[in-house]
C-alpha atoms as a PDB file:
ATOM      1  CA  MET A   1       0.000   0.000   0.000  1.00  0.00           C
ATOM      2  CA  ARG A   2       2.771   2.436   0.862  1.00  0.00           C
ATOM      3  CA  THR A   3       4.491   1.706  -2.477  1.00  0.00           C
ATOM      4  CA  ALA A   4       1.288   2.325  -4.434  1.00  0.00           C
ATOM      5  CA  PHE A   5       0.701   5.603  -2.582  1.00  0.00           C
ATOM      6  CA  ARG A   6       4.236   6.782  -3.348  1.00  0.00           C
ATOM      7  CA  ARG A   7       3.812   6.069  -7.045  1.00  0.00           C
ATOM      8  CA  VAL A   8       0.487   7.930  -7.180  1.00  0.00           C
ATOM      9  CA  THR A   9       2.094  10.882  -5.411  1.00  0.00           C
ATOM     10  CA  LEU A  10       4.907  10.985  -7.970  1.00  0.00           C
ATOM     11  CA  LEU A  11       2.444  10.945 -10.831  1.00  0.00           C
ATOM     12  CA  ILE A  12       0.371  13.750  -9.312  1.00  0.00           C
ATOM     13  CA  CYS A  13       3.473  15.841  -8.701  1.00  0.00           C
ATOM     14  CA  GLY A  14       4.709  15.313 -12.261  1.00  0.00           C
ATOM     15  CA  ALA A  15       1.335  16.130 -13.811  1.00  0.00           C
ATOM     16  CA  SER A  16       1.016  19.388 -11.912  1.00  0.00           C
ATOM     17  CA  LEU A  17       4.617  20.521 -12.419  1.00  0.00           C
ATOM     18  CA  VAL A  18       3.922  23.130 -15.089  1.00  0.00           C
ATOM     19  CA  ALA A  19       0.970  24.661 -13.245  1.00  0.00           C
ATOM     20  CA  SER A  20       2.033  24.494  -9.608  1.00  0.00           C
ATOM     21  CA  ALA A  21       4.884  23.719  -7.199  1.00  0.00           C
ATOM     22  CA  CYS A  22       5.725  20.314  -5.703  1.00  0.00           C
ATOM     23  CA  THR A  23       7.766  19.954  -2.555  1.00  0.00           C
ATOM     24  CA  THR A  24      10.915  17.856  -2.963  1.00  0.00           C
ATOM     25  CA  ILE A  25      13.991  17.022  -0.921  1.00  0.00           C
ATOM     26  CA  ASP A  26      17.126  18.898  -1.899  1.00  0.00           C
ATOM     27  CA  PRO A  27      19.777  16.154  -2.452  1.00  0.00           C
ATOM     28  CA  TYR A  28      22.536  18.508  -1.263  1.00  0.00           C
ATOM     29  CA  THR A  29      21.003  19.763   2.008  1.00  0.00           C
ATOM     30  CA  ARG A  30      18.272  17.127   2.694  1.00  0.00           C
ATOM     31  CA  GLU A  31      15.880  20.036   3.314  1.00  0.00           C
ATOM     32  CA  GLU A  32      12.464  20.533   1.712  1.00  0.00           C
ATOM     33  CA  ARG A  33      12.293  22.982  -1.161  1.00  0.00           C
ATOM     34  CA  ALA A  34       9.628  24.127  -3.606  1.00  0.00           C
ATOM     35  CA  ALA A  35       9.990  23.367  -7.320  1.00  0.00           C
ATOM     36  CA  ARG A  36       8.948  26.676  -8.957  1.00  0.00           C
ATOM     37  CA  ALA A  37       7.450  25.602 -12.259  1.00  0.00           C
ATOM     38  CA  GLN A  38       6.285  29.107 -13.055  1.00  0.00           C
ATOM     39  CA  ARG A  39       9.920  30.305 -13.237  1.00  0.00           C
ATOM     40  CA  GLN A  40      10.576  28.502 -16.533  1.00  0.00           C
ATOM     41  CA  ALA A  41       7.719  26.184 -17.362  1.00  0.00           C
ATOM     42  CA  TRP A  42       9.369  24.733 -20.441  1.00  0.00           C
ATOM     43  CA  ILE A  43      12.271  23.474 -18.348  1.00  0.00           C
ATOM     44  CA  GLY A  44       9.891  21.662 -16.034  1.00  0.00           C
ATOM     45  CA  ALA A  45       8.173  20.076 -19.000  1.00  0.00           C
ATOM     46  CA  ALA A  46      11.509  19.057 -20.495  1.00  0.00           C
ATOM     47  CA  ALA A  47      12.630  17.566 -17.202  1.00  0.00           C
ATOM     48  CA  GLY A  48       9.457  15.523 -16.975  1.00  0.00           C
ATOM     49  CA  ALA A  49       9.986  14.219 -20.490  1.00  0.00           C
ATOM     50  CA  ALA A  50      13.657  13.517 -19.849  1.00  0.00           C
ATOM     51  CA  ALA A  51      13.279  11.571 -16.636  1.00  0.00           C
ATOM     52  CA  GLY A  52      13.572   7.839 -16.865  1.00  0.00           C
ATOM     53  CA  LEU A  53      14.285   5.274 -19.535  1.00  0.00           C
ATOM     54  CA  ILE A  54      15.509   6.244 -23.017  1.00  0.00           C
ATOM     55  CA  THR A  55      16.110   2.773 -24.467  1.00  0.00           C
ATOM     56  CA  GLY A  56      13.168   1.505 -26.522  1.00  0.00           C
ATOM     57  CA  ASP A  57      10.969  -1.371 -25.388  1.00  0.00           C
ATOM     58  CA  ASN A  58      12.239  -3.791 -28.051  1.00  0.00           C
ATOM     59  CA  SER A  59      15.899  -3.224 -27.193  1.00  0.00           C
ATOM     60  CA  MET A  60      15.179  -3.551 -23.494  1.00  0.00           C
ATOM     61  CA  GLU A  61      13.256  -6.798 -23.955  1.00  0.00           C
ATOM     62  CA  ARG A  62      16.113  -8.277 -26.002  1.00  0.00           C
ATOM     63  CA  LYS A  63      18.559  -7.326 -23.277  1.00  0.00           C
ATOM     64  CA  LYS A  64      16.380  -8.894 -20.591  1.00  0.00           C
ATOM     65  CA  ARG A  65      15.934 -12.143 -22.495  1.00  0.00           C
ATOM     66  CA  ALA A  66      19.664 -12.386 -23.088  1.00  0.00           C
ATOM     67  CA  LEU A  67      20.345 -11.962 -19.363  1.00  0.00           C
ATOM     68  CA  VAL A  68      17.786 -14.593 -18.410  1.00  0.00           C
ATOM     69  CA  GLY A  69      19.354 -16.911 -20.982  1.00  0.00           C
ATOM     70  CA  ALA A  70      22.743 -16.211 -19.399  1.00  0.00           C
ATOM     71  CA  GLY A  71      21.519 -17.426 -16.018  1.00  0.00           C
ATOM     72  CA  LEU A  72      20.082 -14.383 -14.222  1.00  0.00           C
ATOM     73  CA  GLY A  73      16.605 -15.218 -12.955  1.00  0.00           C
ATOM     74  CA  ALA A  74      13.656 -13.034 -13.895  1.00  0.00           C
ATOM     75  CA  LEU A  75      11.496 -11.333 -11.276  1.00  0.00           C
ATOM     76  CA  ALA A  76       7.729 -11.717 -11.367  1.00  0.00           C
ATOM     77  CA  GLY A  77       4.561 -10.575  -9.616  1.00  0.00           C
ATOM     78  CA  ALA A  78       4.751  -8.889  -6.239  1.00  0.00           C
ATOM     79  CA  ALA A  79       8.460  -9.739  -5.995  1.00  0.00           C
ATOM     80  CA  VAL A  80       9.263  -6.991  -8.515  1.00  0.00           C
ATOM     81  CA  GLY A  81       8.006  -4.102  -6.407  1.00  0.00           C
ATOM     82  CA  SER A  82       9.503  -5.499  -3.217  1.00  0.00           C
ATOM     83  CA  TYR A  83      12.883  -6.012  -4.876  1.00  0.00           C
ATOM     84  CA  MET A  84      12.974  -2.462  -6.241  1.00  0.00           C
ATOM     85  CA  ASP A  85      11.752  -1.040  -2.905  1.00  0.00           C
ATOM     86  CA  ARG A  86      14.717  -2.592  -1.133  1.00  0.00           C
ATOM     87  CA  GLN A  87      17.128  -1.453  -3.842  1.00  0.00           C
ATOM     88  CA  GLU A  88      15.753   2.086  -3.729  1.00  0.00           C
ATOM     89  CA  ALA A  89      16.215   2.206   0.036  1.00  0.00           C
ATOM     90  CA  ARG A  90      19.834   1.025  -0.261  1.00  0.00           C
ATOM     91  CA  LEU A  91      20.591   3.586  -2.973  1.00  0.00           C
ATOM     92  CA  ARG A  92      19.146   6.409  -0.896  1.00  0.00           C
ATOM     93  CA  GLN A  93      21.223   5.255   2.052  1.00  0.00           C
ATOM     94  CA  GLU A  94      24.446   5.071   0.047  1.00  0.00           C
ATOM     95  CA  LEU A  95      23.924   8.298  -1.927  1.00  0.00           C
ATOM     96  CA  GLU A  96      22.601  10.635   0.738  1.00  0.00           C
ATOM     97  CA  ARG A  97      24.467  13.967   0.733  1.00  0.00           C
ATOM     98  CA  THR A  98      26.374  13.082  -2.455  1.00  0.00           C
ATOM     99  CA  GLY A  99      24.373  15.421  -4.715  1.00  0.00           C
ATOM    100  CA  VAL A 100      22.826  12.496  -6.617  1.00  0.00           C
ATOM    101  CA  SER A 101      19.034  12.436  -6.752  1.00  0.00           C
ATOM    102  CA  VAL A 102      17.139   9.131  -6.619  1.00  0.00           C
ATOM    103  CA  THR A 103      13.814   9.116  -8.482  1.00  0.00           C
ATOM    104  CA  ARG A 104      11.362   6.213  -8.555  1.00  0.00           C
ATOM    105  CA  ILE A 105       9.111   5.982 -11.625  1.00  0.00           C
ATOM    106  CA  GLY A 106       6.945   2.878 -11.420  1.00  0.00           C
ATOM    107  CA  ASP A 107       9.357  -0.007 -10.883  1.00  0.00           C
ATOM    108  CA  ASN A 108      12.309   1.859 -12.429  1.00  0.00           C
ATOM    109  CA  ILE A 109      14.847   3.900 -10.467  1.00  0.00           C
ATOM    110  CA  THR A 110      16.725   6.829 -12.037  1.00  0.00           C
ATOM    111  CA  LEU A 111      19.889   8.318 -10.545  1.00  0.00           C
ATOM    112  CA  ASN A 112      20.659  11.846 -11.743  1.00  0.00           C
ATOM    113  CA  MET A 113      24.343  12.663 -11.395  1.00  0.00           C
ATOM    114  CA  PRO A 114      24.890  16.384 -12.112  1.00  0.00           C
ATOM    115  CA  GLY A 115      27.888  18.047 -13.708  1.00  0.00           C
ATOM    116  CA  ASN A 116      29.446  19.361 -10.506  1.00  0.00           C
ATOM    117  CA  ILE A 117      30.376  15.771  -9.568  1.00  0.00           C
ATOM    118  CA  THR A 118      30.641  14.080 -12.970  1.00  0.00           C
ATOM    119  CA  PHE A 119      32.479  15.875 -15.783  1.00  0.00           C
ATOM    120  CA  ALA A 120      34.043  19.230 -16.502  1.00  0.00           C
ATOM    121  CA  THR A 121      32.902  21.210 -19.524  1.00  0.00           C
ATOM    122  CA  ASP A 122      33.904  19.545 -22.806  1.00  0.00           C
ATOM    123  CA  SER A 123      35.273  16.459 -21.050  1.00  0.00           C
ATOM    124  CA  ALA A 124      34.403  12.770 -20.780  1.00  0.00           C
ATOM    125  CA  ASP A 125      37.017  12.164 -18.061  1.00  0.00           C
ATOM    126  CA  LEU A 126      35.502  11.227 -14.710  1.00  0.00           C
ATOM    127  CA  SER A 127      35.977  13.875 -12.022  1.00  0.00           C
ATOM    128  CA  ALA A 128      37.941  12.731  -8.978  1.00  0.00           C
ATOM    129  CA  SER A 129      34.898  13.328  -6.753  1.00  0.00           C
ATOM    130  CA  PHE A 130      32.826  11.012  -8.942  1.00  0.00           C
ATOM    131  CA  TYR A 131      34.701   7.809  -8.100  1.00  0.00           C
ATOM    132  CA  ASP A 132      33.296   7.442  -4.579  1.00  0.00           C
ATOM    133  CA  VAL A 133      29.780   8.013  -5.907  1.00  0.00           C
ATOM    134  CA  LEU A 134      30.175   5.329  -8.562  1.00  0.00           C
ATOM    135  CA  ASN A 135      31.722   2.964  -6.023  1.00  0.00           C
ATOM    136  CA  SER A 136      28.576   3.301  -3.896  1.00  0.00           C
ATOM    137  CA  VAL A 137      26.327   2.781  -6.912  1.00  0.00           C
ATOM    138  CA  ALA A 138      28.264  -0.311  -8.009  1.00  0.00           C
ATOM    139  CA  LEU A 139      28.018  -1.752  -4.500  1.00  0.00           C
ATOM    140  CA  VAL A 140      24.215  -1.655  -4.674  1.00  0.00           C
ATOM    141  CA  LEU A 141      24.051  -2.784  -8.309  1.00  0.00           C
ATOM    142  CA  ASN A 142      26.079  -5.865  -7.422  1.00  0.00           C
ATOM    143  CA  GLU A 143      23.909  -6.553  -4.395  1.00  0.00           C
ATOM    144  CA  PHE A 144      20.741  -6.335  -6.527  1.00  0.00           C
ATOM    145  CA  ASN A 145      21.879  -7.965  -9.739  1.00  0.00           C
ATOM    146  CA  GLN A 146      18.462  -8.799 -11.229  1.00  0.00           C
ATOM    147  CA  THR A 147      18.328  -5.505 -13.082  1.00  0.00           C
ATOM    148  CA  VAL A 148      19.337  -3.850 -16.337  1.00  0.00           C
ATOM    149  CA  ILE A 149      21.214  -0.536 -16.097  1.00  0.00           C
ATOM    150  CA  GLU A 150      20.843   2.154 -18.738  1.00  0.00           C
ATOM    151  CA  VAL A 151      23.723   4.644 -18.585  1.00  0.00           C
ATOM    152  CA  ALA A 152      22.703   7.840 -20.401  1.00  0.00           C
ATOM    153  CA  GLY A 153      25.132  10.674 -21.107  1.00  0.00           C
ATOM    154  CA  HIS A 154      23.888  14.265 -21.454  1.00  0.00           C
ATOM    155  CA  THR A 155      25.539  17.571 -22.353  1.00  0.00           C
ATOM    156  CA  ASP A 156      24.766  21.252 -22.233  1.00  0.00           C
ATOM    157  CA  SER A 157      24.225  23.149 -25.502  1.00  0.00           C
ATOM    158  CA  THR A 158      27.746  24.542 -25.844  1.00  0.00           C
ATOM    159  CA  GLY A 159      29.100  23.490 -29.253  1.00  0.00           C
ATOM    160  CA  SER A 160      27.375  21.829 -32.185  1.00  0.00           C
ATOM    161  CA  GLU A 161      24.679  19.172 -31.834  1.00  0.00           C
ATOM    162  CA  GLU A 162      26.906  16.618 -33.564  1.00  0.00           C
ATOM    163  CA  TYR A 163      29.805  17.298 -31.220  1.00  0.00           C
ATOM    164  CA  ASN A 164      27.577  17.133 -28.146  1.00  0.00           C
ATOM    165  CA  GLN A 165      26.088  13.843 -29.303  1.00  0.00           C
ATOM    166  CA  ARG A 166      29.552  12.287 -29.540  1.00  0.00           C
ATOM    167  CA  LEU A 167      30.551  13.797 -26.195  1.00  0.00           C
ATOM    168  CA  SER A 168      27.458  12.380 -24.484  1.00  0.00           C
ATOM    169  CA  GLU A 169      28.235   8.931 -25.876  1.00  0.00           C
ATOM    170  CA  ARG A 170      31.786   9.160 -24.525  1.00  0.00           C
ATOM    171  CA  ARG A 171      30.472  10.190 -21.120  1.00  0.00           C
ATOM    172  CA  ALA A 172      28.124   7.225 -20.995  1.00  0.00           C
ATOM    173  CA  ALA A 173      30.969   4.943 -22.039  1.00  0.00           C
ATOM    174  CA  SER A 174      33.251   6.327 -19.300  1.00  0.00           C
ATOM    175  CA  VAL A 175      30.700   5.655 -16.567  1.00  0.00           C
ATOM    176  CA  ALA A 176      29.843   2.210 -17.925  1.00  0.00           C
ATOM    177  CA  ALA A 177      33.516   1.265 -18.140  1.00  0.00           C
ATOM    178  CA  TYR A 178      34.121   2.282 -14.529  1.00  0.00           C
ATOM    179  CA  LEU A 179      31.105   0.319 -13.297  1.00  0.00           C
ATOM    180  CA  ARG A 180      32.517  -2.742 -15.052  1.00  0.00           C
ATOM    181  CA  THR A 181      35.817  -2.307 -13.203  1.00  0.00           C
ATOM    182  CA  ARG A 182      33.809  -2.453  -9.966  1.00  0.00           C
ATOM    183  CA  GLY A 183      32.327  -5.823 -10.851  1.00  0.00           C
ATOM    184  CA  VAL A 184      29.051  -4.873 -12.542  1.00  0.00           C
ATOM    185  CA  ARG A 185      28.375  -7.374 -15.331  1.00  0.00           C
ATOM    186  CA  ALA A 186      28.936  -5.845 -18.749  1.00  0.00           C
ATOM    187  CA  ASP A 187      25.877  -7.574 -20.208  1.00  0.00           C
ATOM    188  CA  ARG A 188      23.619  -5.772 -17.716  1.00  0.00           C
ATOM    189  CA  ILE A 189      24.619  -2.334 -19.027  1.00  0.00           C
ATOM    190  CA  ILE A 190      23.140  -0.353 -21.917  1.00  0.00           C
ATOM    191  CA  GLU A 191      25.045   2.778 -22.990  1.00  0.00           C
ATOM    192  CA  VAL A 192      23.251   5.655 -24.690  1.00  0.00           C
ATOM    193  CA  GLY A 193      24.145   9.258 -25.477  1.00  0.00           C
ATOM    194  CA  VAL A 194      21.475  11.878 -26.126  1.00  0.00           C
ATOM    195  CA  GLY A 195      23.611  14.983 -26.526  1.00  0.00           C
ATOM    196  CA  GLU A 196      21.915  18.250 -25.664  1.00  0.00           C
ATOM    197  CA  SER A 197      18.399  17.060 -26.569  1.00  0.00           C
ATOM    198  CA  ARG A 198      17.049  16.521 -23.029  1.00  0.00           C
ATOM    199  CA  PRO A 199      17.861  19.561 -20.881  1.00  0.00           C
ATOM    200  CA  ILE A 200      16.573  19.744 -17.321  1.00  0.00           C
ATOM    201  CA  ALA A 201      17.615  23.393 -16.817  1.00  0.00           C
ATOM    202  CA  SER A 202      18.248  26.509 -18.863  1.00  0.00           C
ATOM    203  CA  ASN A 203      21.430  26.533 -20.923  1.00  0.00           C
ATOM    204  CA  ASP A 204      21.541  30.331 -20.571  1.00  0.00           C
ATOM    205  CA  THR A 205      23.345  30.213 -17.203  1.00  0.00           C
ATOM    206  CA  PRO A 206      26.485  28.427 -15.957  1.00  0.00           C
ATOM    207  CA  GLU A 207      24.429  26.762 -13.226  1.00  0.00           C
ATOM    208  CA  GLY A 208      21.883  25.462 -15.721  1.00  0.00           C
ATOM    209  CA  ARG A 209      24.554  24.154 -18.068  1.00  0.00           C
ATOM    210  CA  GLN A 210      26.166  22.332 -15.142  1.00  0.00           C
ATOM    211  CA  GLN A 211      22.871  20.583 -14.381  1.00  0.00           C
ATOM    212  CA  ASN A 212      22.434  19.570 -18.013  1.00  0.00           C
ATOM    213  CA  ARG A 213      25.994  18.202 -18.153  1.00  0.00           C
ATOM    214  CA  ARG A 214      25.084  15.013 -16.351  1.00  0.00           C
ATOM    215  CA  VAL A 215      24.757  11.238 -16.406  1.00  0.00           C
ATOM    216  CA  GLU A 216      21.526   9.430 -15.603  1.00  0.00           C
ATOM    217  CA  LEU A 217      21.476   5.781 -14.560  1.00  0.00           C
ATOM    218  CA  THR A 218      18.088   4.135 -14.911  1.00  0.00           C
ATOM    219  CA  ILE A 219      17.782   0.772 -13.184  1.00  0.00           C
ATOM    220  CA  VAL A 220      15.124  -1.548 -14.606  1.00  0.00           C
ATOM    221  CA  PRO A 221      13.968  -4.799 -12.947  1.00  0.00           C
ATOM    222  CA  LEU A 222      14.717  -8.000 -14.858  1.00  0.00           C
ATOM    223  CA  THR A 223      11.238  -9.128 -15.867  1.00  0.00           C
ATOM    224  CA  LEU A 224       9.865 -10.891 -18.925  1.00  0.00           C
ATOM    225  CA  SER A 225       6.592  -9.743 -20.445  1.00  0.00           C
END
């Protein structure tokens, strides 16, 4: 019941984002803050569209079937929600005060890792402060191995679209490669770059560009439809 209530709350908050303010927890201070949709409504709409899985259903299903064929058991029924509840709780515990936000959308979990802890401008090299964050993420991913992980690289709008697309792909590859060094199975990971196409803040300010220069990890339960 608590899980269902949380999901309904998320949906209500997302639907009303453009017209009103939802209260969230600031991942840096752990204090409540208001999301002011009226400040730049298009950014709120873009953030809502950007959150969550990018990989198409067909590609995801092929990945899942390959993993089940390789020996990872599929989750089913009520076990799915329970499994992701426990994983979400562990991620929140490990990532508190790191600057990484943890968002639950249905049975998927998305980690948003912003530019101040991931990459410098025009770089796909992991920042030194990012290693501890990824170590914590890998710890939980290895503990809950019945999942697929989409690693999505994003950029700000500085430079051409073609350049930013390549840069986002390199950023996704850098994060995926590091997770593999920490023991996360390579066949669980999907890498995708989306360039500058999914901003979550304005690219007109340094702060906004830093938010857009990010990596999102979306963790999907291993189920078969």
